N, C-alpha and C. Protein backbone atom coordinates (compact mmCIF):
# COMPACT_ATOMS: atom_id res chain seq x y z
N UNK A 1 -3.27 -33.69 10.25
CA UNK A 1 -2.84 -33.08 8.56
C UNK A 1 -3.52 -32.35 8.22
N UNK A 2 -4.63 -32.07 8.18
CA UNK A 2 -6.11 -30.86 8.26
C UNK A 2 -5.02 -29.70 9.07
N UNK A 3 -5.02 -29.87 10.34
CA UNK A 3 -4.21 -28.90 11.06
C UNK A 3 -3.26 -28.25 10.55
N UNK A 4 -2.26 -29.15 9.88
CA UNK A 4 -0.82 -28.85 9.54
C UNK A 4 -1.14 -27.89 8.13
N UNK A 5 -2.27 -28.23 7.43
CA UNK A 5 -2.42 -27.51 6.18
C UNK A 5 -2.84 -26.28 6.65
N UNK A 6 -3.81 -26.06 7.55
CA UNK A 6 -4.22 -24.81 8.60
C UNK A 6 -3.26 -23.83 8.86
N UNK A 7 -2.45 -24.33 9.34
CA UNK A 7 -1.31 -23.82 10.06
C UNK A 7 -0.57 -23.43 8.89
N UNK A 8 -0.16 -23.82 8.00
CA UNK A 8 0.54 -23.56 6.62
C UNK A 8 -0.28 -22.23 5.65
N UNK A 9 -1.24 -22.60 5.91
CA UNK A 9 -1.95 -21.12 4.93
C UNK A 9 -2.13 -20.05 5.74
N UNK A 10 -2.08 -20.26 7.21
CA UNK A 10 -2.57 -18.93 7.88
C UNK A 10 -0.74 -18.42 8.27
N UNK A 11 0.19 -19.13 7.88
CA UNK A 11 1.73 -18.46 7.89
C UNK A 11 1.61 -17.80 6.61
N UNK A 12 1.50 -18.76 5.46
CA UNK A 12 1.51 -18.31 4.76
C UNK A 12 1.15 -17.03 3.97
N UNK A 13 -0.20 -16.53 4.81
CA UNK A 13 -1.09 -15.27 4.90
C UNK A 13 -0.89 -14.32 5.36
N UNK A 14 -0.43 -14.48 6.61
CA UNK A 14 0.64 -13.84 7.75
C UNK A 14 1.69 -13.10 6.46
N UNK A 15 2.59 -13.84 6.44
CA UNK A 15 3.56 -13.56 5.74
C UNK A 15 3.64 -12.55 4.63
N UNK A 16 2.37 -13.40 3.75
CA UNK A 16 1.92 -12.29 2.32
C UNK A 16 1.36 -10.99 3.52
N UNK A 17 0.76 -11.24 3.94
CA UNK A 17 -0.02 -9.48 4.83
C UNK A 17 0.90 -8.71 5.22
N UNK A 18 2.16 -9.44 5.75
CA UNK A 18 3.18 -8.41 6.41
C UNK A 18 4.62 -7.44 4.98
N UNK A 19 4.49 -9.00 4.19
CA UNK A 19 4.89 -7.79 3.05
C UNK A 19 4.29 -7.09 2.28
N UNK A 20 2.54 -7.07 2.41
CA UNK A 20 2.22 -6.40 1.47
C UNK A 20 2.42 -4.78 2.62
N UNK A 21 2.02 -4.78 3.54
CA UNK A 21 1.59 -3.68 4.71
C UNK A 21 3.05 -3.28 4.64
N UNK A 22 4.21 -3.67 4.42
CA UNK A 22 5.63 -3.20 4.61
C UNK A 22 6.19 -2.61 3.30
N UNK A 23 5.37 -3.31 2.36
CA UNK A 23 5.72 -2.93 1.00
C UNK A 23 4.66 -1.76 0.03
N UNK A 24 3.69 -2.27 0.37
CA UNK A 24 2.27 -1.87 -0.74
C UNK A 24 1.82 -0.81 -0.23
N UNK A 25 1.06 -0.21 -0.62
CA UNK A 25 0.36 1.04 -0.25
C UNK A 25 -0.92 0.83 -0.88
N UNK A 26 -1.37 -0.72 -0.04
CA UNK A 26 -2.25 -0.90 -0.36
C UNK A 26 -3.17 -0.06 0.10
N UNK A 27 -3.42 1.25 0.02
CA UNK A 27 -4.16 2.04 0.70
C UNK A 27 -4.34 1.76 2.46
N UNK A 28 -3.34 0.85 2.62
CA UNK A 28 -3.35 0.80 4.29
C UNK A 28 -2.80 1.08 5.00
N UNK A 29 -1.52 2.55 4.56
CA UNK A 29 -1.23 3.35 5.87
C UNK A 29 -1.41 4.96 4.99
N UNK A 30 -1.71 5.57 6.08
CA UNK A 30 -2.19 7.15 6.00
C UNK A 30 -1.27 7.93 4.84
N UNK A 31 -1.85 8.22 3.91
CA UNK A 31 -1.70 8.77 3.20
C UNK A 31 -0.36 9.65 3.23
N UNK A 32 0.71 9.78 3.26
CA UNK A 32 1.35 10.89 3.38
C UNK A 32 1.85 11.97 2.85
N UNK A 33 2.08 11.36 1.40
CA UNK A 33 2.16 12.51 -0.08
C UNK A 33 3.16 13.60 0.52
N UNK A 34 2.94 14.28 -0.48
CA UNK A 34 3.77 15.67 0.04
C UNK A 34 2.71 16.61 0.79
N UNK A 35 2.78 16.98 2.00
CA UNK A 35 2.23 17.95 2.56
C UNK A 35 1.42 18.70 2.19
N UNK A 36 0.03 19.24 2.08
CA UNK A 36 -0.78 20.29 1.72
C UNK A 36 -0.27 21.37 1.84
N UNK A 37 0.97 21.96 2.20
CA UNK A 37 1.34 23.38 2.24
C UNK A 37 2.59 23.50 1.20
N UNK A 38 3.13 22.35 1.27
CA UNK A 38 4.45 22.27 0.22
C UNK A 38 3.63 21.84 -1.18
N UNK A 39 2.60 21.36 -1.27
CA UNK A 39 1.95 21.43 -2.43
C UNK A 39 1.26 22.22 -2.81
N UNK A 40 0.90 23.31 -2.00
CA UNK A 40 0.32 24.33 -2.30
C UNK A 40 1.15 25.68 -3.06
N UNK A 41 2.42 25.47 -2.38
CA UNK A 41 3.72 26.03 -3.26
C UNK A 41 3.94 25.69 -4.47
N UNK A 42 4.21 24.06 -4.34
CA UNK A 42 4.80 23.61 -5.39
C UNK A 42 3.45 24.02 -6.93
N UNK A 43 2.49 23.55 -6.37
CA UNK A 43 1.15 23.40 -7.54
C UNK A 43 0.49 24.24 -8.01
N UNK A 44 0.61 25.78 -7.22
CA UNK A 44 0.45 26.44 -6.82
C UNK A 44 -0.98 26.26 -6.69
N UNK A 45 -1.56 25.43 -6.13
CA UNK A 45 -2.83 25.99 -5.68
C UNK A 45 -3.99 26.84 -5.18
N UNK A 46 -5.61 26.40 -5.17
CA UNK A 46 -6.02 27.60 -4.96
C UNK A 46 -6.26 27.27 -3.36
N UNK A 47 -7.06 28.62 -2.76
CA UNK A 47 -7.67 27.92 -1.61
C UNK A 47 -8.64 27.08 -1.02
N UNK A 48 -9.31 26.64 -2.57
CA UNK A 48 -10.41 25.99 -2.87
C UNK A 48 -9.83 24.27 -2.76
N UNK A 49 -8.82 24.78 -3.89
CA UNK A 49 -8.28 23.24 -3.39
C UNK A 49 -7.59 22.40 -2.53
N UNK A 50 -7.19 23.63 -1.88
CA UNK A 50 -6.17 23.08 -1.01
C UNK A 50 -7.16 22.46 0.77
N UNK A 51 -8.26 23.33 0.49
CA UNK A 51 -9.43 22.68 1.54
C UNK A 51 -9.92 21.48 0.90
N UNK A 52 -10.33 21.24 -0.40
CA UNK A 52 -11.01 20.11 -0.78
C UNK A 52 -9.66 18.77 -0.63
N UNK A 53 -8.37 18.88 -0.78
CA UNK A 53 -7.39 17.87 -0.59
C UNK A 53 -6.90 17.81 1.07
N UNK A 54 -7.30 18.80 1.79
CA UNK A 54 -7.56 18.29 3.26
C UNK A 54 -8.52 17.51 3.44
N UNK A 55 -10.05 17.94 3.14
CA UNK A 55 -11.08 16.96 3.72
C UNK A 55 -10.72 15.31 2.94
N UNK A 56 -10.25 15.85 1.99
CA UNK A 56 -9.87 14.33 1.26
C UNK A 56 -9.10 13.19 2.41
N UNK A 57 -8.00 13.72 2.63
CA UNK A 57 -6.81 13.17 3.03
C UNK A 57 -7.74 13.04 4.71
N UNK A 58 -8.21 13.66 5.50
CA UNK A 58 -8.73 13.46 6.82
C UNK A 58 -9.52 12.15 6.67
N UNK A 59 -10.76 12.46 5.33
CA UNK A 59 -11.83 11.26 5.66
C UNK A 59 -11.09 10.21 4.81
N UNK A 60 -9.90 10.23 4.36
CA UNK A 60 -9.12 9.00 3.87
C UNK A 60 -8.72 8.30 5.07
N UNK A 61 -7.80 8.90 5.79
CA UNK A 61 -7.19 8.80 6.91
C UNK A 61 -8.20 7.96 8.06
N UNK A 62 -9.24 8.52 8.23
CA UNK A 62 -10.17 8.12 9.01
C UNK A 62 -10.93 6.56 8.78
N UNK A 63 -11.14 6.44 7.49
CA UNK A 63 -11.60 5.36 6.71
C UNK A 63 -10.36 4.56 6.76
N UNK A 64 -9.15 4.73 6.51
CA UNK A 64 -8.23 3.70 6.69
C UNK A 64 -7.81 3.43 8.04
N UNK A 65 -7.87 4.05 9.22
CA UNK A 65 -7.76 3.19 10.63
C UNK A 65 -9.03 2.44 10.96
N UNK A 66 -10.26 2.84 10.37
CA UNK A 66 -11.27 1.87 10.67
C UNK A 66 -11.12 0.25 10.02
N UNK A 67 -10.35 0.36 8.94
CA UNK A 67 -10.33 -0.49 8.04
C UNK A 67 -8.54 -1.38 8.79
N UNK A 68 -7.70 -0.55 9.30
CA UNK A 68 -6.82 -1.41 9.60
C UNK A 68 -7.25 -1.47 11.01
N UNK A 69 -8.02 -1.21 11.76
CA UNK A 69 -8.57 -2.02 13.31
C UNK A 69 -9.48 -3.38 12.69
N UNK A 70 -10.18 -3.17 11.52
CA UNK A 70 -11.08 -4.47 11.33
C UNK A 70 -9.84 -5.41 11.09
N UNK A 71 -8.74 -5.18 10.63
CA UNK A 71 -7.85 -6.26 9.86
C UNK A 71 -6.67 -6.55 11.24
N UNK A 72 -6.94 -6.16 12.27
CA UNK A 72 -5.80 -6.62 13.41
C UNK A 72 -7.20 -7.09 14.03
N UNK A 73 -8.10 -7.02 14.65
CA UNK A 73 -9.50 -8.15 15.14
C UNK A 73 -9.34 -9.13 14.22
N UNK A 74 -9.60 -9.35 12.86
CA UNK A 74 -9.42 -10.20 12.04
C UNK A 74 -8.31 -11.58 12.41
N UNK A 75 -7.20 -10.52 12.52
CA UNK A 75 -5.86 -11.22 12.38
C UNK A 75 -5.77 -11.94 13.66
N UNK A 76 -5.81 -10.91 14.76
CA UNK A 76 -6.30 -11.81 16.40
C UNK A 76 -7.23 -13.06 16.10
N UNK A 77 -8.61 -12.78 15.82
CA UNK A 77 -9.21 -13.90 15.80
C UNK A 77 -8.97 -15.01 15.03
N UNK A 78 -7.91 -15.10 13.91
CA UNK A 78 -7.30 -15.93 13.03
C UNK A 78 -6.60 -16.91 14.17
N UNK A 79 -5.15 -16.11 14.72
CA UNK A 79 -4.57 -16.60 15.50
C UNK A 79 -4.86 -16.95 16.96
N UNK A 80 -6.40 -16.54 17.13
CA UNK A 80 -6.87 -17.53 18.30
C UNK A 80 -7.56 -18.70 17.77
N UNK A 81 -8.15 -19.08 16.60
CA UNK A 81 -8.62 -19.97 16.03
C UNK A 81 -7.04 -20.61 15.71
N UNK A 82 -6.22 -20.23 15.07
CA UNK A 82 -5.46 -21.57 15.08
C UNK A 82 -4.48 -22.05 16.32
N UNK A 83 -5.00 -21.43 17.48
CA UNK A 83 -4.08 -21.51 18.95
C UNK A 83 -4.85 -22.73 19.43
N UNK A 84 -6.28 -22.91 19.28
CA UNK A 84 -6.99 -23.82 19.96
C UNK A 84 -6.70 -25.48 19.37
N UNK A 85 -6.68 -25.88 20.30
CA UNK A 85 -6.86 -27.37 20.42
C UNK A 85 -7.29 -27.92 18.87
N UNK A 86 -8.28 -27.51 18.43
CA UNK A 86 -9.23 -27.90 17.32
C UNK A 86 -9.81 -26.98 16.57
N UNK A 87 -9.31 -26.03 15.54
CA UNK A 87 -9.10 -25.36 14.97
C UNK A 87 -10.57 -25.42 13.78
N UNK A 88 -11.02 -24.78 13.64
CA UNK A 88 -11.95 -24.58 12.80
C UNK A 88 -12.06 -23.93 11.18
N UNK A 89 -11.61 -24.81 10.55
CA UNK A 89 -11.31 -24.79 8.97
C UNK A 89 -12.04 -23.51 8.55
N UNK A 90 -13.52 -23.67 8.87
CA UNK A 90 -14.50 -22.93 7.65
C UNK A 90 -14.56 -21.47 8.43
N UNK A 91 -14.28 -21.11 10.07
CA UNK A 91 -13.93 -20.39 10.25
C UNK A 91 -12.58 -19.46 10.06
N UNK A 92 -11.81 -20.59 10.14
CA UNK A 92 -9.87 -19.85 9.93
C UNK A 92 -10.10 -19.25 8.02
N UNK A 93 -11.09 -20.07 6.87
CA UNK A 93 -11.24 -19.40 5.82
C UNK A 93 -12.25 -18.45 5.69
N UNK A 94 -13.12 -18.32 6.52
CA UNK A 94 -13.92 -16.96 6.82
C UNK A 94 -12.94 -15.75 6.74
N UNK A 95 -12.21 -16.16 7.87
CA UNK A 95 -11.44 -14.77 8.25
C UNK A 95 -10.27 -14.52 7.43
N UNK A 96 -9.65 -15.62 6.12
CA UNK A 96 -9.07 -14.96 5.53
C UNK A 96 -9.71 -14.14 4.68
N UNK A 97 -10.75 -15.33 4.33
CA UNK A 97 -11.54 -14.10 3.08
C UNK A 97 -11.85 -12.52 3.36
N UNK A 98 -12.03 -12.66 5.00
CA UNK A 98 -12.21 -11.01 5.37
C UNK A 98 -11.38 -10.43 5.44
N UNK A 99 -10.00 -10.55 5.30
CA UNK A 99 -8.67 -9.95 5.71
C UNK A 99 -8.13 -9.89 4.02
N UNK A 100 -8.39 -11.15 3.49
CA UNK A 100 -8.41 -10.13 1.59
C UNK A 100 -9.44 -8.99 0.87
N UNK A 101 -10.37 -9.20 1.48
CA UNK A 101 -11.37 -8.45 1.46
C UNK A 101 -11.08 -6.93 2.45
N UNK A 102 -10.46 -6.78 2.61
CA UNK A 102 -10.30 -5.79 3.71
C UNK A 102 -9.11 -5.21 2.76
N UNK A 103 -7.91 -5.96 2.58
CA UNK A 103 -6.80 -5.67 1.72
C UNK A 103 -6.98 -4.71 0.57
N UNK A 104 -8.27 -5.77 -0.29
CA UNK A 104 -9.15 -5.20 -1.63
C UNK A 104 -9.85 -3.64 -1.04
N UNK A 105 -10.36 -3.89 -0.32
CA UNK A 105 -11.10 -2.37 0.07
C UNK A 105 -9.71 -1.33 0.26
N UNK A 106 -8.79 -1.47 0.43
CA UNK A 106 -7.78 -0.59 0.89
C UNK A 106 -6.93 0.04 -0.45
N UNK A 107 -6.92 -1.07 -1.51
CA UNK A 107 -6.84 -0.64 -2.80
C UNK A 107 -7.77 0.07 -3.43
N UNK A 108 -8.74 -0.32 -3.85
CA UNK A 108 -9.80 0.22 -4.04
C UNK A 108 -9.84 1.90 -3.37
N UNK A 109 -9.40 2.14 -2.41
CA UNK A 109 -9.85 3.64 -1.30
C UNK A 109 -8.80 4.27 -1.94
N UNK A 110 -7.57 3.82 -2.13
CA UNK A 110 -6.21 4.36 -2.66
C UNK A 110 -6.44 4.57 -4.04
N UNK A 111 -7.11 3.94 -5.07
CA UNK A 111 -7.55 4.45 -6.41
C UNK A 111 -8.54 5.56 -6.19
N UNK A 112 -9.43 5.28 -5.50
CA UNK A 112 -10.47 6.34 -5.38
C UNK A 112 -10.24 7.27 -5.02
N UNK A 113 -9.38 7.64 -3.98
CA UNK A 113 -8.47 9.16 -3.56
C UNK A 113 -7.52 9.28 -4.43
N UNK A 114 -6.77 8.45 -5.48
CA UNK A 114 -6.31 9.19 -6.39
C UNK A 114 -7.18 9.90 -7.78
N UNK A 115 -8.20 9.55 -7.98
CA UNK A 115 -9.04 9.72 -8.87
C UNK A 115 -9.73 11.14 -8.38
N UNK A 116 -9.52 11.14 -7.27
CA UNK A 116 -10.69 12.64 -6.14
C UNK A 116 -9.67 13.68 -6.46
N UNK A 117 -8.13 12.93 -6.18
CA UNK A 117 -7.34 14.11 -6.28
C UNK A 117 -7.30 14.67 -7.81
N UNK A 118 -7.24 13.71 -9.09
CA UNK A 118 -7.10 14.02 -10.54
C UNK A 118 -8.00 14.97 -10.51
N UNK A 119 -9.55 15.04 -9.76
CA UNK A 119 -10.86 15.90 -10.41
C UNK A 119 -10.48 17.39 -9.83
N UNK A 120 -9.63 17.41 -8.49
CA UNK A 120 -9.20 18.48 -7.86
C UNK A 120 -8.77 19.22 -9.00
N UNK A 121 -7.34 18.13 -8.96
CA UNK A 121 -6.48 19.53 -9.83
C UNK A 121 -6.52 19.26 -11.10
N UNK A 122 -5.86 20.91 -11.63
CA UNK A 122 -6.16 20.78 -13.24
C UNK A 122 -5.07 19.65 -14.18
N UNK A 123 -4.95 20.24 -15.14
CA UNK A 123 -4.27 18.95 -15.82
C UNK A 123 -2.66 19.17 -15.39
N UNK A 124 -2.30 20.25 -15.49
CA UNK A 124 -0.78 20.99 -15.48
C UNK A 124 -0.30 20.62 -13.83
N UNK A 125 -1.53 20.65 -12.93
CA UNK A 125 -0.97 20.44 -11.74
C UNK A 125 -0.81 19.03 -11.70
N UNK A 126 -1.97 17.94 -11.99
CA UNK A 126 -2.02 17.12 -12.45
C UNK A 126 -0.81 16.59 -12.27
N UNK A 127 -0.07 16.77 -13.53
CA UNK A 127 1.18 16.20 -14.20
C UNK A 127 2.44 16.84 -13.41
N UNK A 128 2.61 18.38 -12.82
CA UNK A 128 3.43 18.39 -11.67
C UNK A 128 3.11 17.61 -10.46
N UNK A 129 1.90 16.90 -10.42
CA UNK A 129 2.24 16.08 -8.81
C UNK A 129 2.74 14.89 -9.57
N UNK A 130 2.32 14.10 -10.43
CA UNK A 130 2.67 13.19 -10.59
C UNK A 130 3.88 12.80 -10.57
N UNK A 131 4.75 13.70 -11.38
CA UNK A 131 6.24 14.23 -11.01
C UNK A 131 7.02 14.28 -9.76
N UNK A 132 6.50 14.67 -9.15
CA UNK A 132 7.04 15.21 -7.64
C UNK A 132 6.52 13.50 -6.98
N UNK A 133 5.36 12.90 -7.15
CA UNK A 133 5.40 11.59 -6.40
C UNK A 133 6.38 10.57 -7.03
N UNK A 134 6.63 10.55 -8.31
CA UNK A 134 7.59 10.07 -8.99
C UNK A 134 9.05 10.14 -8.38
N UNK A 135 9.15 11.23 -7.92
CA UNK A 135 10.18 11.42 -7.85
C UNK A 135 11.32 11.10 -5.75
N UNK A 136 9.67 10.91 -5.46
CA UNK A 136 9.70 10.79 -4.23
C UNK A 136 9.77 9.17 -4.18
N UNK A 137 9.19 8.38 -4.87
CA UNK A 137 9.34 7.37 -5.12
C UNK A 137 10.73 7.16 -5.33
N UNK A 138 11.28 7.20 -6.22
CA UNK A 138 12.83 6.75 -6.87
C UNK A 138 13.94 7.28 -5.35
N UNK A 139 13.12 7.94 -4.68
CA UNK A 139 14.02 8.03 -3.34
C UNK A 139 13.66 7.26 -2.16
N UNK A 140 13.02 6.08 -2.27
CA UNK A 140 12.51 5.29 -1.45
C UNK A 140 11.53 5.58 -0.64
N UNK A 141 10.59 6.48 -1.45
CA UNK A 141 9.37 7.19 -0.75
C UNK A 141 7.95 6.40 -1.40
N UNK A 142 7.40 6.31 -1.09
CA UNK A 142 6.11 5.63 -0.87
C UNK A 142 5.79 5.11 -2.57
N UNK A 143 5.53 3.99 -2.35
CA UNK A 143 5.59 3.52 -4.07
C UNK A 143 6.92 2.95 -4.45
N UNK A 144 7.67 3.08 -4.10
CA UNK A 144 9.12 2.50 -4.56
C UNK A 144 9.58 1.67 -3.89
N UNK A 145 10.74 0.76 -3.75
CA UNK A 145 11.67 0.96 -3.16
C UNK A 145 13.06 0.75 -3.18
N UNK A 146 14.13 1.10 -2.22
CA UNK A 146 15.09 2.01 -2.61
C UNK A 146 15.84 0.97 -3.22
N UNK A 147 16.56 1.43 -4.30
CA UNK A 147 17.39 0.65 -5.28
C UNK A 147 16.59 0.34 -6.77
N UNK A 148 15.49 0.65 -6.60
CA UNK A 148 14.60 0.03 -8.30
C UNK A 148 14.53 1.31 -8.65
N UNK A 149 14.47 1.13 -10.13
CA UNK A 149 14.45 2.36 -11.08
C UNK A 149 13.00 2.34 -11.62
N UNK A 150 12.76 3.36 -12.29
CA UNK A 150 11.20 4.15 -12.71
C UNK A 150 10.73 2.43 -13.00
N UNK A 151 10.76 2.05 -13.89
CA UNK A 151 10.26 0.76 -14.52
C UNK A 151 10.20 -0.16 -13.31
N UNK A 152 10.16 -0.23 -12.19
CA UNK A 152 10.15 -1.22 -10.98
C UNK A 152 11.24 -2.18 -10.80
N UNK A 153 12.11 -2.25 -11.40
CA UNK A 153 12.99 -3.42 -11.47
C UNK A 153 14.43 -3.03 -10.57
N UNK A 154 14.22 -3.56 -9.98
CA UNK A 154 15.66 -3.30 -9.15
C UNK A 154 17.11 -3.45 -10.52
N UNK A 155 17.54 -2.53 -9.87
CA UNK A 155 19.42 -1.80 -10.24
C UNK A 155 20.58 -2.16 -9.88
N UNK A 156 21.95 -2.50 -10.56
CA UNK A 156 23.25 -2.73 -10.03
C UNK A 156 22.72 -4.56 -10.45
N UNK A 157 22.52 -4.71 -11.23
CA UNK A 157 22.28 -6.52 -11.41
C UNK A 157 23.42 -7.21 -12.02
N UNK A 158 24.47 -6.42 -12.72
CA UNK A 158 26.04 -6.48 -13.04
C UNK A 158 27.16 -6.34 -11.99
N UNK A 159 27.98 -7.38 -11.71
CA UNK A 159 29.20 -6.93 -10.94
C UNK A 159 29.98 -5.93 -11.77
N UNK A 160 30.48 -5.10 -10.72
CA UNK A 160 31.47 -4.01 -11.06
C UNK A 160 32.17 -4.60 -12.03
N UNK A 161 32.38 -3.58 -13.05
CA UNK A 161 33.08 -3.93 -14.21
C UNK A 161 32.60 -5.47 -15.59
N UNK A 162 31.68 -5.59 -15.58
CA UNK A 162 30.92 -6.73 -15.95
C UNK A 162 29.59 -5.89 -16.80
N UNK A 163 30.21 -6.50 -17.95
CA UNK A 163 29.38 -6.03 -19.27
C UNK A 163 27.83 -6.79 -19.13
N UNK A 164 26.76 -6.39 -20.17
CA UNK A 164 25.66 -7.06 -20.03
C UNK A 164 25.94 -8.47 -21.06
N UNK A 165 26.99 -8.07 -21.53
CA UNK A 165 27.37 -9.40 -22.41
C UNK A 165 27.85 -10.51 -21.84
N UNK A 166 28.36 -10.47 -20.93
CA UNK A 166 29.44 -11.43 -20.09
C UNK A 166 28.30 -11.48 -19.32
N UNK A 167 26.98 -11.52 -18.97
CA UNK A 167 26.10 -11.87 -18.06
C UNK A 167 25.55 -13.16 -18.37
N UNK A 168 25.60 -13.06 -19.53
CA UNK A 168 25.15 -14.24 -20.45
C UNK A 168 25.79 -15.49 -20.33
N UNK A 169 27.23 -15.28 -20.14
CA UNK A 169 28.20 -16.20 -19.90
C UNK A 169 28.22 -17.39 -19.09
C-alpha cells in the first residue's frame, strides 16, 4: 500500500513538472524574449542598456542551465528510488522537496530578471517592452497559450451561432 502511494505521488509530481515545464516559464527555460538587436531598434536602447541586457541574459541562462541540470539529476534519483524493490519514502519525499525548491528558484529568478530589466529601461521603454511581450503572448508566445485571451481565459467557449444567453440553457 505504501509503495502504491509513493508511486502515485511520484506520477502526480512528474505530470505536474512536465506540465509546468511545457507551459510555464517558471524561469526554467532560457529567456528568449525579443532578441537584443530588435529590442534595441524597437525600444531605442542605448549602447549601455544593450550591454546590461546582454549581461543579464547570459547570467540568467547560465544559472538556468545549472538549475535544469539539478532538476534532471533529482528526477533521475527519484526515478531510481521508485524503481527499487523497496523505495525509501523519506528519500523520495526529500527529492520531491528538492524538485519543488528548484521550481520555486526558477520562479524567483524570473522575477529578479524582470525587476532587473525594469531597472535598466526607462518608464517609456518598459511600457513598450510590456506591450511587445504582451503581443507575443497573444500569438502563443512565452507566457500565453494559443487560443487564450489577454486575461488568460480560453476564447471560443460557445458554439457557432450560439449566444451567451443560450449557453446557460
